[in-house]
PDB file of N, CA and C in Angstrom:
ATOM      1  N   MET A   1     -10.775  16.794   7.491  1.00  0.00           N
ATOM      2  CA  MET A   1     -11.509  16.007   6.957  1.00  0.00           C
ATOM      3  C   MET A   1     -10.578  14.899   6.019  1.00  0.00           C
ATOM      4  N   ILE A   2      -9.925  15.505   5.322  1.00  0.00           N
ATOM      5  CA  ILE A   2      -8.909  14.653   4.447  1.00  0.00           C
ATOM      6  C   ILE A   2      -8.061  13.709   5.375  1.00  0.00           C
ATOM      7  N   ALA A   3      -7.597  14.209   6.445  1.00  0.00           N
ATOM      8  CA  ALA A   3      -6.807  13.398   7.379  1.00  0.00           C
ATOM      9  C   ALA A   3      -7.577  12.177   7.769  1.00  0.00           C
ATOM     10  N   TYR A   4      -8.883  12.394   8.011  1.00  0.00           N
ATOM     11  CA  TYR A   4      -9.715  11.168   8.566  1.00  0.00           C
ATOM     12  C   TYR A   4      -9.939  10.263   7.383  1.00  0.00           C
ATOM     13  N   ILE A   5     -10.230  10.743   6.184  1.00  0.00           N
ATOM     14  CA  ILE A   5     -10.383   9.798   5.054  1.00  0.00           C
ATOM     15  C   ILE A   5      -9.126   9.056   4.871  1.00  0.00           C
ATOM     16  N   LEU A   6      -7.780   9.761   4.846  1.00  0.00           N
ATOM     17  CA  LEU A   6      -6.586   8.826   4.679  1.00  0.00           C
ATOM     18  C   LEU A   6      -6.300   8.030   5.837  1.00  0.00           C
ATOM     19  N   LEU A   7      -6.725   8.198   7.051  1.00  0.00           N
ATOM     20  CA  LEU A   7      -6.557   7.380   8.135  1.00  0.00           C
ATOM     21  C   LEU A   7      -7.457   6.161   7.915  1.00  0.00           C
ATOM     22  N   GLY A   8      -8.659   6.461   7.469  1.00  0.00           N
ATOM     23  CA  GLY A   8      -9.608   5.312   7.247  1.00  0.00           C
ATOM     24  C   GLY A   8      -9.070   4.438   6.073  1.00  0.00           C
ATOM     25  N   ILE A   9      -8.430   4.917   5.021  1.00  0.00           N
ATOM     26  CA  ILE A   9      -7.675   4.149   4.060  1.00  0.00           C
ATOM     27  C   ILE A   9      -6.653   3.472   4.366  1.00  0.00           C
ATOM     28  N   ALA A  10      -5.791   4.113   5.393  1.00  0.00           N
ATOM     29  CA  ALA A  10      -4.741   3.349   5.924  1.00  0.00           C
ATOM     30  C   ALA A  10      -5.151   2.130   6.699  1.00  0.00           C
ATOM     31  N   THR A  11      -6.296   2.313   7.420  1.00  0.00           N
ATOM     32  CA  THR A  11      -6.759   1.257   8.322  1.00  0.00           C
ATOM     33  C   THR A  11      -7.265   0.123   7.381  1.00  0.00           C
ATOM     34  N   LEU A  12      -7.973   0.381   6.190  1.00  0.00           N
ATOM     35  CA  LEU A  12      -8.428  -0.631   5.266  1.00  0.00           C
ATOM     36  C   LEU A  12      -7.153  -1.288   4.621  1.00  0.00           C
ATOM     37  N   PHE A  13      -6.062  -0.627   4.403  1.00  0.00           N
ATOM     38  CA  PHE A  13      -4.826  -1.111   3.758  1.00  0.00           C
ATOM     39  C   PHE A  13      -4.279  -2.180   4.803  1.00  0.00           C
ATOM     40  N   LEU A  14      -4.345  -1.911   5.980  1.00  0.00           N
ATOM     41  CA  LEU A  14      -3.779  -2.739   7.082  1.00  0.00           C
ATOM     42  C   LEU A  14      -4.598  -4.070   7.200  1.00  0.00           C
ATOM     43  N   VAL A  15      -5.924  -3.856   7.014  1.00  0.00           N
ATOM     44  CA  VAL A  15      -6.860  -5.028   7.040  1.00  0.00           C
ATOM     45  C   VAL A  15      -6.439  -5.919   5.727  1.00  0.00           C
ATOM     46  N   ILE A  16      -6.317  -5.366   4.684  1.00  0.00           N
ATOM     47  CA  ILE A  16      -6.090  -6.143   3.338  1.00  0.00           C
ATOM     48  C   ILE A  16      -4.657  -6.658   3.532  1.00  0.00           C
ATOM     49  N   ALA A  17      -3.739  -6.100   4.179  1.00  0.00           N
ATOM     50  CA  ALA A  17      -2.382  -6.664   4.381  1.00  0.00           C
ATOM     51  C   ALA A  17      -2.341  -8.004   5.298  1.00  0.00           C
ATOM     52  N   GLN A  18      -3.343  -7.928   6.225  1.00  0.00           N
ATOM     53  CA  GLN A  18      -3.478  -9.179   7.085  1.00  0.00           C
ATOM     54  C   GLN A  18      -4.216 -10.302   6.345  1.00  0.00           C
ATOM     55  N   LEU A  19      -5.215  -9.883   5.576  1.00  0.00           N
ATOM     56  CA  LEU A  19      -5.882 -10.878   4.675  1.00  0.00           C
ATOM     57  C   LEU A  19      -5.098 -11.584   3.582  1.00  0.00           C
ATOM     58  N   LYS A  20      -4.083 -10.700   3.029  1.00  0.00           N
ATOM     59  CA  LYS A  20      -3.264 -11.251   1.906  1.00  0.00           C
ATOM     60  C   LYS A  20      -1.851 -11.679   2.331  1.00  0.00           C
ATOM     61  N   ASN A  21      -1.599 -11.680   3.694  1.00  0.00           N
ATOM     62  CA  ASN A  21      -0.245 -11.939   4.322  1.00  0.00           C
ATOM     63  C   ASN A  21       0.710 -11.183   3.645  1.00  0.00           C
ATOM     64  N   ALA A  22       0.490  -9.855   3.579  1.00  0.00           N
ATOM     65  CA  ALA A  22       1.476  -9.010   2.756  1.00  0.00           C
ATOM     66  C   ALA A  22       2.639  -8.378   3.731  1.00  0.00           C
ATOM     67  N   ASP A  23       3.611  -7.887   3.086  1.00  0.00           N
ATOM     68  CA  ASP A  23       4.576  -7.154   3.765  1.00  0.00           C
ATOM     69  C   ASP A  23       4.116  -5.642   4.046  1.00  0.00           C
ATOM     70  N   VAL A  24       4.310  -5.091   5.257  1.00  0.00           N
ATOM     71  CA  VAL A  24       3.970  -3.811   5.582  1.00  0.00           C
ATOM     72  C   VAL A  24       5.098  -3.021   5.955  1.00  0.00           C
ATOM     73  N   ILE A  25       5.263  -1.867   5.185  1.00  0.00           N
ATOM     74  CA  ILE A  25       6.496  -1.062   5.233  1.00  0.00           C
ATOM     75  C   ILE A  25       6.048   0.265   5.624  1.00  0.00           C
ATOM     76  N   ILE A  26       6.411   0.842   6.791  1.00  0.00           N
ATOM     77  CA  ILE A  26       6.251   2.174   7.209  1.00  0.00           C
ATOM     78  C   ILE A  26       7.596   3.005   7.188  1.00  0.00           C
ATOM     79  N   GLY A  27       7.524   4.193   6.450  1.00  0.00           N
ATOM     80  CA  GLY A  27       8.679   4.896   6.350  1.00  0.00           C
ATOM     81  C   GLY A  27       8.370   6.322   6.347  1.00  0.00           C
ATOM     82  N   PRO A  28       9.579   7.098   6.544  1.00  0.00           N
ATOM     83  CA  PRO A  28       9.405   8.574   6.519  1.00  0.00           C
ATOM     84  C   PRO A  28       9.525   9.015   4.972  1.00  0.00           C
ATOM     85  N   ILE A  29       8.891  10.316   4.887  1.00  0.00           N
ATOM     86  CA  ILE A  29       8.891  10.968   3.643  1.00  0.00           C
ATOM     87  C   ILE A  29       9.753  12.219   3.846  1.00  0.00           C
ATOM     88  N   LYS A  30      10.607  12.564   2.858  1.00  0.00           N
ATOM     89  CA  LYS A  30      11.336  13.913   3.133  1.00  0.00           C
ATOM     90  C   LYS A  30      10.605  14.803   2.242  1.00  0.00           C
ATOM     91  N   GLY A  31       9.753  15.640   2.980  1.00  0.00           N
ATOM     92  CA  GLY A  31       8.702  16.478   2.398  1.00  0.00           C
ATOM     93  C   GLY A  31       7.459  16.250   3.025  1.00  0.00           C
ATOM     94  N   PHE A  32       6.406  16.600   2.122  1.00  0.00           N
ATOM     95  CA  PHE A  32       4.993  16.384   2.634  1.00  0.00           C
ATOM     96  C   PHE A  32       4.138  16.006   1.460  1.00  0.00           C
ATOM     97  N   MET A  33       3.536  14.652   1.597  1.00  0.00           N
ATOM     98  CA  MET A  33       2.641  14.164   0.437  1.00  0.00           C
ATOM     99  C   MET A  33       1.401  13.669   1.224  1.00  0.00           C
ATOM    100  N   VAL A  34       0.391  13.697   0.408  1.00  0.00           N
ATOM    101  CA  VAL A  34      -0.902  13.371   0.817  1.00  0.00           C
ATOM    102  C   VAL A  34      -1.511  12.479  -0.288  1.00  0.00           C
ATOM    103  N   GLY A  35      -2.110  11.397  -0.072  1.00  0.00           N
ATOM    104  CA  GLY A  35      -2.781  10.558  -1.058  1.00  0.00           C
ATOM    105  C   GLY A  35      -2.661   9.065  -0.857  1.00  0.00           C
ATOM    106  N   PHE A  36      -3.202   8.324  -1.899  1.00  0.00           N
ATOM    107  CA  PHE A  36      -2.964   6.947  -1.920  1.00  0.00           C
ATOM    108  C   PHE A  36      -2.909   6.392  -3.405  1.00  0.00           C
ATOM    109  N   LEU A  37      -2.444   5.118  -3.453  1.00  0.00           N
ATOM    110  CA  LEU A  37      -2.314   4.641  -4.928  1.00  0.00           C
ATOM    111  C   LEU A  37      -2.353   3.076  -4.822  1.00  0.00           C
ATOM    112  N   TYR A  38      -2.663   2.434  -5.883  1.00  0.00           N
ATOM    113  CA  TYR A  38      -2.706   1.046  -6.125  1.00  0.00           C
ATOM    114  C   TYR A  38      -1.962   0.843  -7.466  1.00  0.00           C
ATOM    115  N   HIS A  39      -1.003  -0.192  -7.411  1.00  0.00           N
ATOM    116  CA  HIS A  39      -0.143  -0.603  -8.620  1.00  0.00           C
ATOM    117  C   HIS A  39      -0.196  -2.058  -8.763  1.00  0.00           C
ATOM    118  N   ALA A  40      -0.247  -2.671  -9.923  1.00  0.00           N
ATOM    119  CA  ALA A  40       0.000  -4.089 -10.102  1.00  0.00           C
ATOM    120  C   ALA A  40       0.761  -4.194 -11.292  1.00  0.00           C
ATOM    121  N   GLU A  41       1.845  -5.065 -11.223  1.00  0.00           N
ATOM    122  CA  GLU A  41       2.745  -5.253 -12.371  1.00  0.00           C
ATOM    123  C   GLU A  41       2.937  -6.837 -12.547  1.00  0.00           C
ATOM    124  N   GLU A  42       2.717  -7.185 -13.887  1.00  0.00           N
ATOM    125  CA  GLU A  42       2.805  -8.533 -14.230  1.00  0.00           C
ATOM    126  C   GLU A  42       4.161  -8.908 -14.771  1.00  0.00           C
ATOM    127  N   TYR A  43       4.771 -10.024 -14.300  1.00  0.00           N
ATOM    128  CA  TYR A  43       6.110 -10.379 -14.819  1.00  0.00           C
ATOM    129  C   TYR A  43       6.048 -11.799 -15.766  1.00  0.00           C
ATOM    130  N   ASP A  44       7.074 -11.909 -16.439  1.00  0.00           N
ATOM    131  CA  ASP A  44       7.174 -13.125 -17.259  1.00  0.00           C
ATOM    132  C   ASP A  44       7.074 -14.364 -16.694  1.00  0.00           C
ATOM    133  N   ASP A  45       7.299 -14.465 -15.451  1.00  0.00           N
ATOM    134  CA  ASP A  45       7.378 -15.736 -14.652  1.00  0.00           C
ATOM    135  C   ASP A  45       5.900 -16.116 -13.962  1.00  0.00           C
ATOM    136  N   ASP A  46       4.901 -15.401 -14.588  1.00  0.00           N
ATOM    137  CA  ASP A  46       3.398 -15.584 -14.230  1.00  0.00           C
ATOM    138  C   ASP A  46       3.231 -15.178 -12.767  1.00  0.00           C
ATOM    139  N   THR A  47       3.850 -14.156 -12.404  1.00  0.00           N
ATOM    140  CA  THR A  47       3.435 -13.548 -10.973  1.00  0.00           C
ATOM    141  C   THR A  47       3.074 -12.157 -11.340  1.00  0.00           C
ATOM    142  N   ILE A  48       2.201 -11.711 -10.252  1.00  0.00           N
ATOM    143  CA  ILE A  48       1.889 -10.201 -10.347  1.00  0.00           C
ATOM    144  C   ILE A  48       2.311  -9.694  -8.887  1.00  0.00           C
ATOM    145  N   ASP A  49       2.955  -8.679  -8.972  1.00  0.00           N
ATOM    146  CA  ASP A  49       3.339  -7.785  -7.648  1.00  0.00           C
ATOM    147  C   ASP A  49       2.302  -6.622  -7.503  1.00  0.00           C
ATOM    148  N   HIS A  50       1.634  -6.692  -6.295  1.00  0.00           N
ATOM    149  CA  HIS A  50       0.629  -5.657  -5.963  1.00  0.00           C
ATOM    150  C   HIS A  50       1.234  -4.698  -4.979  1.00  0.00           C
ATOM    151  N   THR A  51       0.978  -3.502  -5.212  1.00  0.00           N
ATOM    152  CA  THR A  51       1.365  -2.450  -4.066  1.00  0.00           C
ATOM    153  C   THR A  51       0.236  -1.527  -3.699  1.00  0.00           C
ATOM    154  N   LEU A  52       0.052  -1.310  -2.636  1.00  0.00           N
ATOM    155  CA  LEU A  52      -0.923  -0.371  -2.098  1.00  0.00           C
ATOM    156  C   LEU A  52      -0.061   0.736  -1.256  1.00  0.00           C
ATOM    157  N   GLN A  53      -0.312   1.973  -1.402  1.00  0.00           N
ATOM    158  CA  GLN A  53       0.553   2.978  -0.686  1.00  0.00           C
ATOM    159  C   GLN A  53      -0.398   4.143  -0.193  1.00  0.00           C
ATOM    160  N   CYS A  54      -0.340   4.463   0.944  1.00  0.00           N
ATOM    161  CA  CYS A  54      -0.949   5.701   1.552  1.00  0.00           C
ATOM    162  C   CYS A  54       0.068   6.578   2.154  1.00  0.00           C
ATOM    163  N   LEU A  55      -0.013   7.771   1.767  1.00  0.00           N
ATOM    164  CA  LEU A  55       0.727   8.766   2.222  1.00  0.00           C
ATOM    165  C   LEU A  55       0.139   9.690   3.173  1.00  0.00           C
ATOM    166  N   LEU A  56       0.519   9.898   4.296  1.00  0.00           N
ATOM    167  CA  LEU A  56      -0.022  10.583   5.468  1.00  0.00           C
ATOM    168  C   LEU A  56       0.916  11.732   5.878  1.00  0.00           C
ATOM    169  N   GLY A  57       1.070  12.811   5.076  1.00  0.00           N
ATOM    170  CA  GLY A  57       1.994  13.939   5.425  1.00  0.00           C
ATOM    171  C   GLY A  57       3.419  13.517   5.316  1.00  0.00           C
ATOM    172  N   VAL A  58       4.003  12.985   6.516  1.00  0.00           N
ATOM    173  CA  VAL A  58       5.655  12.636   6.349  1.00  0.00           C
ATOM    174  C   VAL A  58       5.629  11.192   6.587  1.00  0.00           C
ATOM    175  N   ILE A  59       4.643  10.478   6.576  1.00  0.00           N
ATOM    176  CA  ILE A  59       4.648   9.045   6.799  1.00  0.00           C
ATOM    177  C   ILE A  59       4.141   8.333   5.605  1.00  0.00           C
ATOM    178  N   SER A  60       4.786   7.243   5.175  1.00  0.00           N
ATOM    179  CA  SER A  60       4.389   6.461   3.932  1.00  0.00           C
ATOM    180  C   SER A  60       4.066   5.011   4.447  1.00  0.00           C
ATOM    181  N   LEU A  61       2.927   4.474   4.209  1.00  0.00           N
ATOM    182  CA  LEU A  61       2.620   3.229   4.505  1.00  0.00           C
ATOM    183  C   LEU A  61       2.347   2.367   3.192  1.00  0.00           C
ATOM    184  N   ASN A  62       3.320   1.373   3.060  1.00  0.00           N
ATOM    185  CA  ASN A  62       3.289   0.580   1.844  1.00  0.00           C
ATOM    186  C   ASN A  62       2.889  -0.887   2.082  1.00  0.00           C
ATOM    187  N   ILE A  63       2.036  -1.434   1.380  1.00  0.00           N
ATOM    188  CA  ILE A  63       1.536  -2.885   1.481  1.00  0.00           C
ATOM    189  C   ILE A  63       1.968  -3.431   0.237  1.00  0.00           C
ATOM    190  N   THR A  64       2.728  -4.518   0.288  1.00  0.00           N
ATOM    191  CA  THR A  64       3.097  -5.212  -0.900  1.00  0.00           C
ATOM    192  C   THR A  64       2.952  -6.832  -0.963  1.00  0.00           C
ATOM    193  N   TRP A  65       2.502  -7.271  -2.021  1.00  0.00           N
ATOM    194  CA  TRP A  65       2.431  -8.863  -1.930  1.00  0.00           C
ATOM    195  C   TRP A  65       2.311  -9.387  -3.423  1.00  0.00           C
ATOM    196  N   THR A  66       2.822 -10.652  -3.485  1.00  0.00           N
ATOM    197  CA  THR A  66       2.969 -11.323  -4.698  1.00  0.00           C
ATOM    198  C   THR A  66       1.983 -12.421  -5.035  1.00  0.00           C
ATOM    199  N   ARG A  67       1.315 -12.425  -6.169  1.00  0.00           N
ATOM    200  CA  ARG A  67       0.334 -13.510  -6.471  1.00  0.00           C
ATOM    201  C   ARG A  67       0.641 -14.148  -7.843  1.00  0.00           C
ATOM    202  N   SER A  68       0.722 -15.405  -7.723  1.00  0.00           N
ATOM    203  CA  SER A  68       0.848 -16.087  -9.056  1.00  0.00           C
ATOM    204  C   SER A  68      -0.428 -16.219  -9.821  1.00  0.00           C
ATOM    205  N   ILE A  69      -0.252 -16.074 -11.219  1.00  0.00           N
ATOM    206  CA  ILE A  69      -1.144 -16.190 -12.159  1.00  0.00           C
ATOM    207  C   ILE A  69      -1.682 -17.668 -12.429  1.00  0.00           C
ATOM    208  N   GLU A  70      -2.952 -17.968 -12.284  1.00  0.00           N
ATOM    209  CA  GLU A  70      -3.440 -19.344 -12.364  1.00  0.00           C
ATOM    210  C   GLU A  70      -4.208 -19.698 -13.576  1.00  0.00           C
TER     211      GLU A  70
END
């Protein structure tokens, strides 16, 4: 059941990546991790970096994009 939920979240993240024109990075994990996270960091040059990450066992799906503050 958890695998189906995480696959659904990963699919949602890929849709968001298409809408935001974001970078998609798929990489291996040394170990086993399950879960997802969202992080946003604001910088002094009035930009915000957004990161979505979904961890599916031994695969990490990372979506990153930068947005300027208006």
